[in-house]
Amino acid sequence: MDHVRLEYLNEKSKVSSEMETEKVESEMEELPKTIVRRVVNDKLNECSPDTDITVNKDSRLAFSESARIFIHYLSATANDICKESKRQTINADDVLKAIEEIDFPEFVGLLKASLDG
């Protein structure tokens, strides 16, 4: 009976350890909440300076997750462009091409100006 209980405890510990690892990996991918809040609030204030818009917790999480997914998608696309050029280092031009490739060409000029400025 002790053998069965020991196996159960070992399995339970293994599952707990795997869950902790997934949680740590997930937290590492999260964007800093204060930065997401600041970016969202700054943009909303810029778009509607006369209106006091409040963003609830679920909305901030949605903004954060959307940005994280966008970064993953953009990174993967820039990586593909880099590999096609037989290089191992992604450069700004790869990111600019990736932005165009994922159908956001209107951001290229803004990003170039930001990189030059």
N, C-alpha and C. Protein backbone atom coordinates (compact mmCIF):
# COMPACT_ATOMS: atom_id res chain seq x y z
N MET A 1 0.81 -1.20 0.00
CA MET A 1 0.00 0.00 0.00
C MET A 1 0.86 1.26 0.00
N ASP A 2 1.96 1.26 0.73
CA ASP A 2 2.83 2.43 0.76
C ASP A 2 3.44 2.70 -0.60
N HIS A 3 3.71 1.64 -1.36
CA HIS A 3 4.28 1.79 -2.70
C HIS A 3 3.30 2.55 -3.62
N VAL A 4 2.04 2.19 -3.55
CA VAL A 4 1.01 2.84 -4.38
C VAL A 4 0.89 4.31 -3.97
N ARG A 5 0.88 4.56 -2.67
CA ARG A 5 0.77 5.92 -2.18
C ARG A 5 1.99 6.75 -2.61
N LEU A 6 3.18 6.18 -2.54
CA LEU A 6 4.40 6.86 -2.94
C LEU A 6 4.35 7.22 -4.43
N GLU A 7 3.88 6.29 -5.26
CA GLU A 7 3.74 6.57 -6.70
C GLU A 7 2.76 7.71 -6.93
N TYR A 8 1.65 7.69 -6.19
CA TYR A 8 0.65 8.76 -6.32
C TYR A 8 1.26 10.11 -5.95
N LEU A 9 1.98 10.15 -4.85
CA LEU A 9 2.60 11.39 -4.41
C LEU A 9 3.64 11.87 -5.41
N ASN A 10 4.43 10.94 -5.95
CA ASN A 10 5.42 11.31 -6.96
C ASN A 10 4.76 11.89 -8.21
N GLU A 11 3.66 11.27 -8.64
CA GLU A 11 2.95 11.74 -9.82
C GLU A 11 2.33 13.11 -9.55
N LYS A 12 1.76 13.27 -8.37
CA LYS A 12 1.17 14.55 -7.98
C LYS A 12 2.23 15.64 -7.95
N SER A 13 3.40 15.32 -7.43
CA SER A 13 4.50 16.28 -7.37
C SER A 13 4.97 16.64 -8.78
N LYS A 14 5.03 15.64 -9.66
CA LYS A 14 5.45 15.87 -11.04
C LYS A 14 4.48 16.81 -11.76
N VAL A 15 3.17 16.58 -11.58
CA VAL A 15 2.15 17.42 -12.21
C VAL A 15 2.25 18.84 -11.66
N SER A 16 2.43 18.97 -10.36
CA SER A 16 2.57 20.28 -9.73
C SER A 16 3.79 21.01 -10.28
N SER A 17 4.89 20.30 -10.43
CA SER A 17 6.12 20.89 -10.96
C SER A 17 5.93 21.35 -12.40
N GLU A 18 5.24 20.55 -13.20
CA GLU A 18 4.97 20.93 -14.60
C GLU A 18 4.08 22.16 -14.67
N MET A 19 3.11 22.24 -13.76
CA MET A 19 2.22 23.40 -13.74
C MET A 19 3.00 24.65 -13.34
N GLU A 20 3.92 24.53 -12.39
CA GLU A 20 4.75 25.67 -11.99
C GLU A 20 5.62 26.13 -13.15
N THR A 21 6.20 25.18 -13.88
CA THR A 21 7.05 25.51 -15.03
C THR A 21 6.24 26.26 -16.07
N GLU A 22 5.03 25.78 -16.37
CA GLU A 22 4.18 26.46 -17.35
C GLU A 22 3.82 27.86 -16.87
N LYS A 23 3.55 28.02 -15.57
CA LYS A 23 3.20 29.32 -15.03
C LYS A 23 4.37 30.29 -15.16
N VAL A 24 5.58 29.83 -14.85
CA VAL A 24 6.77 30.67 -14.96
C VAL A 24 6.99 31.07 -16.41
N GLU A 25 6.87 30.11 -17.34
CA GLU A 25 7.04 30.42 -18.76
C GLU A 25 5.99 31.41 -19.23
N SER A 26 4.76 31.24 -18.77
CA SER A 26 3.68 32.15 -19.15
C SER A 26 3.95 33.55 -18.62
N GLU A 27 4.41 33.64 -17.37
CA GLU A 27 4.70 34.95 -16.78
C GLU A 27 5.87 35.62 -17.48
N MET A 28 6.83 34.84 -17.97
CA MET A 28 7.97 35.42 -18.67
C MET A 28 7.54 36.05 -19.98
N GLU A 29 6.48 35.52 -20.59
CA GLU A 29 6.00 36.06 -21.86
C GLU A 29 5.07 37.24 -21.69
N GLU A 30 4.57 37.47 -20.48
CA GLU A 30 3.66 38.57 -20.25
C GLU A 30 4.37 39.90 -20.43
N LEU A 31 3.66 40.84 -21.02
CA LEU A 31 4.19 42.19 -21.11
C LEU A 31 3.96 42.88 -19.77
N PRO A 32 4.87 43.75 -19.37
CA PRO A 32 4.69 44.45 -18.09
C PRO A 32 3.37 45.22 -18.07
N LYS A 33 2.57 44.96 -17.04
CA LYS A 33 1.23 45.55 -16.95
C LYS A 33 1.27 47.08 -16.90
N THR A 34 2.25 47.63 -16.22
CA THR A 34 2.31 49.10 -16.12
C THR A 34 2.58 49.73 -17.47
N ILE A 35 3.41 49.07 -18.27
CA ILE A 35 3.70 49.61 -19.61
C ILE A 35 2.48 49.51 -20.50
N VAL A 36 1.79 48.37 -20.47
CA VAL A 36 0.58 48.21 -21.27
C VAL A 36 -0.45 49.26 -20.85
N ARG A 37 -0.64 49.44 -19.55
CA ARG A 37 -1.61 50.42 -19.05
C ARG A 37 -1.24 51.82 -19.54
N ARG A 38 0.05 52.17 -19.44
CA ARG A 38 0.50 53.50 -19.85
C ARG A 38 0.30 53.73 -21.34
N VAL A 39 0.66 52.75 -22.16
CA VAL A 39 0.51 52.88 -23.62
C VAL A 39 -0.96 53.05 -23.98
N VAL A 40 -1.80 52.21 -23.41
CA VAL A 40 -3.24 52.28 -23.72
C VAL A 40 -3.81 53.62 -23.26
N ASN A 41 -3.53 54.01 -22.03
CA ASN A 41 -4.06 55.28 -21.53
C ASN A 41 -3.55 56.48 -22.31
N ASP A 42 -2.26 56.48 -22.65
CA ASP A 42 -1.71 57.59 -23.43
C ASP A 42 -2.40 57.71 -24.79
N LYS A 43 -2.60 56.58 -25.44
CA LYS A 43 -3.24 56.61 -26.76
C LYS A 43 -4.69 57.05 -26.65
N LEU A 44 -5.40 56.56 -25.64
CA LEU A 44 -6.80 56.96 -25.46
C LEU A 44 -6.90 58.45 -25.16
N ASN A 45 -6.00 58.96 -24.35
CA ASN A 45 -6.00 60.40 -24.04
C ASN A 45 -5.68 61.23 -25.28
N GLU A 46 -4.81 60.69 -26.13
CA GLU A 46 -4.47 61.38 -27.38
C GLU A 46 -5.66 61.41 -28.33
N CYS A 47 -6.39 60.30 -28.39
CA CYS A 47 -7.53 60.19 -29.30
C CYS A 47 -8.76 60.95 -28.79
N SER A 48 -8.93 60.98 -27.48
CA SER A 48 -10.10 61.61 -26.88
C SER A 48 -9.68 62.46 -25.68
N PRO A 49 -9.03 63.59 -25.93
CA PRO A 49 -8.51 64.39 -24.81
C PRO A 49 -9.60 64.98 -23.90
N ASP A 50 -10.80 65.15 -24.43
CA ASP A 50 -11.88 65.76 -23.65
C ASP A 50 -12.72 64.73 -22.88
N THR A 51 -12.43 63.44 -23.08
CA THR A 51 -13.22 62.38 -22.47
C THR A 51 -12.35 61.56 -21.54
N ASP A 52 -12.85 61.29 -20.36
CA ASP A 52 -12.13 60.46 -19.40
C ASP A 52 -12.58 59.01 -19.58
N ILE A 53 -11.81 58.25 -20.33
CA ILE A 53 -12.16 56.86 -20.63
C ILE A 53 -11.46 55.95 -19.63
N THR A 54 -12.21 55.02 -19.07
CA THR A 54 -11.67 54.06 -18.13
C THR A 54 -11.53 52.72 -18.83
N VAL A 55 -10.44 52.03 -18.56
CA VAL A 55 -10.20 50.71 -19.14
C VAL A 55 -10.22 49.70 -18.01
N ASN A 56 -11.14 48.74 -18.08
CA ASN A 56 -11.23 47.77 -17.00
C ASN A 56 -10.17 46.68 -17.12
N LYS A 57 -10.08 45.86 -16.10
CA LYS A 57 -9.03 44.83 -16.00
C LYS A 57 -9.06 43.86 -17.19
N ASP A 58 -10.24 43.40 -17.58
CA ASP A 58 -10.35 42.47 -18.70
C ASP A 58 -9.87 43.10 -20.00
N SER A 59 -10.17 44.38 -20.18
CA SER A 59 -9.73 45.08 -21.38
C SER A 59 -8.21 45.21 -21.41
N ARG A 60 -7.61 45.55 -20.26
CA ARG A 60 -6.15 45.65 -20.20
C ARG A 60 -5.52 44.30 -20.52
N LEU A 61 -6.11 43.22 -19.99
CA LEU A 61 -5.60 41.88 -20.29
C LEU A 61 -5.74 41.58 -21.78
N ALA A 62 -6.85 41.99 -22.38
CA ALA A 62 -7.05 41.77 -23.82
C ALA A 62 -6.02 42.54 -24.63
N PHE A 63 -5.75 43.80 -24.24
CA PHE A 63 -4.71 44.58 -24.92
C PHE A 63 -3.36 43.88 -24.79
N SER A 64 -3.03 43.43 -23.60
CA SER A 64 -1.75 42.80 -23.34
C SER A 64 -1.59 41.50 -24.14
N GLU A 65 -2.61 40.67 -24.11
CA GLU A 65 -2.56 39.41 -24.86
C GLU A 65 -2.49 39.65 -26.36
N SER A 66 -3.24 40.64 -26.84
CA SER A 66 -3.20 40.98 -28.27
C SER A 66 -1.81 41.42 -28.68
N ALA A 67 -1.19 42.26 -27.86
CA ALA A 67 0.17 42.73 -28.16
C ALA A 67 1.16 41.58 -28.14
N ARG A 68 1.02 40.68 -27.16
CA ARG A 68 1.92 39.53 -27.06
C ARG A 68 1.80 38.63 -28.30
N ILE A 69 0.57 38.37 -28.72
CA ILE A 69 0.34 37.54 -29.91
C ILE A 69 0.90 38.24 -31.15
N PHE A 70 0.68 39.54 -31.26
CA PHE A 70 1.21 40.30 -32.39
C PHE A 70 2.74 40.20 -32.43
N ILE A 71 3.38 40.35 -31.28
CA ILE A 71 4.84 40.27 -31.21
C ILE A 71 5.32 38.88 -31.63
N HIS A 72 4.63 37.84 -31.19
CA HIS A 72 5.00 36.48 -31.60
C HIS A 72 4.89 36.31 -33.11
N TYR A 73 3.78 36.77 -33.65
CA TYR A 73 3.53 36.64 -35.09
C TYR A 73 4.56 37.44 -35.89
N LEU A 74 4.81 38.67 -35.47
CA LEU A 74 5.79 39.52 -36.15
C LEU A 74 7.19 38.92 -36.03
N SER A 75 7.54 38.41 -34.88
CA SER A 75 8.86 37.79 -34.68
C SER A 75 9.05 36.57 -35.58
N ALA A 76 8.03 35.74 -35.63
CA ALA A 76 8.12 34.54 -36.47
C ALA A 76 8.26 34.91 -37.94
N THR A 77 7.52 35.92 -38.37
CA THR A 77 7.59 36.35 -39.77
C THR A 77 8.95 36.96 -40.07
N ALA A 78 9.46 37.80 -39.18
CA ALA A 78 10.80 38.39 -39.37
C ALA A 78 11.87 37.30 -39.36
N ASN A 79 11.69 36.30 -38.54
CA ASN A 79 12.63 35.18 -38.50
C ASN A 79 12.64 34.44 -39.83
N ASP A 80 11.46 34.21 -40.40
CA ASP A 80 11.38 33.55 -41.71
C ASP A 80 12.10 34.37 -42.78
N ILE A 81 11.90 35.67 -42.76
CA ILE A 81 12.56 36.56 -43.73
C ILE A 81 14.07 36.48 -43.56
N CYS A 82 14.51 36.49 -42.33
CA CYS A 82 15.95 36.40 -42.03
C CYS A 82 16.52 35.08 -42.55
N LYS A 83 15.83 33.99 -42.28
CA LYS A 83 16.30 32.67 -42.73
C LYS A 83 16.35 32.57 -44.24
N GLU A 84 15.35 33.18 -44.90
CA GLU A 84 15.33 33.18 -46.37
C GLU A 84 16.56 33.90 -46.93
N SER A 85 17.07 34.86 -46.19
CA SER A 85 18.27 35.59 -46.59
C SER A 85 19.54 34.90 -46.12
N LYS A 86 19.36 33.70 -45.54
CA LYS A 86 20.49 32.89 -45.06
C LYS A 86 21.33 33.62 -44.02
N ARG A 87 20.63 34.31 -43.11
CA ARG A 87 21.29 34.99 -42.00
C ARG A 87 20.76 34.45 -40.70
N GLN A 88 21.49 34.72 -39.62
CA GLN A 88 21.06 34.26 -38.31
C GLN A 88 20.65 35.40 -37.38
N THR A 89 20.79 36.62 -37.82
CA THR A 89 20.45 37.77 -37.00
C THR A 89 19.36 38.59 -37.68
N ILE A 90 18.27 38.77 -36.96
CA ILE A 90 17.17 39.59 -37.49
C ILE A 90 17.56 41.06 -37.36
N ASN A 91 17.38 41.80 -38.46
CA ASN A 91 17.68 43.24 -38.41
C ASN A 91 16.39 44.04 -38.60
N ALA A 92 16.50 45.34 -38.50
CA ALA A 92 15.32 46.21 -38.59
C ALA A 92 14.61 46.07 -39.94
N ASP A 93 15.38 45.89 -41.01
CA ASP A 93 14.75 45.70 -42.32
C ASP A 93 13.89 44.45 -42.37
N ASP A 94 14.32 43.39 -41.67
CA ASP A 94 13.51 42.17 -41.60
C ASP A 94 12.18 42.45 -40.91
N VAL A 95 12.23 43.24 -39.86
CA VAL A 95 11.01 43.58 -39.13
C VAL A 95 10.10 44.44 -40.01
N LEU A 96 10.68 45.40 -40.72
CA LEU A 96 9.89 46.25 -41.62
C LEU A 96 9.22 45.42 -42.71
N LYS A 97 9.98 44.49 -43.30
CA LYS A 97 9.40 43.61 -44.32
C LYS A 97 8.31 42.73 -43.73
N ALA A 98 8.54 42.26 -42.49
CA ALA A 98 7.55 41.42 -41.83
C ALA A 98 6.25 42.19 -41.59
N ILE A 99 6.38 43.44 -41.20
CA ILE A 99 5.19 44.26 -40.97
C ILE A 99 4.38 44.39 -42.26
N GLU A 100 5.08 44.60 -43.37
CA GLU A 100 4.39 44.65 -44.66
C GLU A 100 3.76 43.31 -45.00
N GLU A 101 4.50 42.23 -44.74
CA GLU A 101 4.02 40.89 -45.09
C GLU A 101 2.78 40.49 -44.29
N ILE A 102 2.67 40.96 -43.06
CA ILE A 102 1.49 40.61 -42.27
C ILE A 102 0.38 41.65 -42.41
N ASP A 103 0.48 42.43 -43.47
CA ASP A 103 -0.58 43.37 -43.87
C ASP A 103 -0.77 44.57 -42.95
N PHE A 104 0.35 45.15 -42.52
CA PHE A 104 0.30 46.41 -41.77
C PHE A 104 1.27 47.42 -42.39
N PRO A 105 1.20 47.63 -43.72
CA PRO A 105 2.16 48.52 -44.36
C PRO A 105 2.07 49.96 -43.88
N GLU A 106 0.91 50.35 -43.34
CA GLU A 106 0.76 51.73 -42.86
C GLU A 106 1.65 52.03 -41.66
N PHE A 107 2.16 51.01 -41.00
CA PHE A 107 3.04 51.21 -39.84
C PHE A 107 4.51 51.36 -40.22
N VAL A 108 4.86 51.00 -41.44
CA VAL A 108 6.27 51.02 -41.85
C VAL A 108 6.86 52.42 -41.78
N GLY A 109 6.14 53.41 -42.30
CA GLY A 109 6.64 54.79 -42.27
C GLY A 109 6.83 55.29 -40.85
N LEU A 110 5.87 54.99 -39.98
CA LEU A 110 5.96 55.41 -38.57
C LEU A 110 7.17 54.76 -37.89
N LEU A 111 7.35 53.48 -38.17
CA LEU A 111 8.48 52.76 -37.54
C LEU A 111 9.81 53.28 -38.07
N LYS A 112 9.90 53.51 -39.39
CA LYS A 112 11.13 54.06 -39.94
C LYS A 112 11.46 55.41 -39.32
N ALA A 113 10.45 56.26 -39.19
CA ALA A 113 10.66 57.58 -38.56
C ALA A 113 11.12 57.44 -37.13
N SER A 114 10.56 56.49 -36.43
CA SER A 114 10.95 56.25 -35.03
C SER A 114 12.38 55.74 -34.95
N LEU A 115 12.74 54.86 -35.87
CA LEU A 115 14.11 54.32 -35.87
C LEU A 115 15.15 55.37 -36.26
N ASP A 116 14.75 56.27 -37.17
CA ASP A 116 15.67 57.32 -37.61
C ASP A 116 15.78 58.47 -36.61
N GLY A 117 14.73 58.66 -35.83
CA GLY A 117 14.65 59.82 -34.97
C GLY A 117 15.30 59.66 -33.67
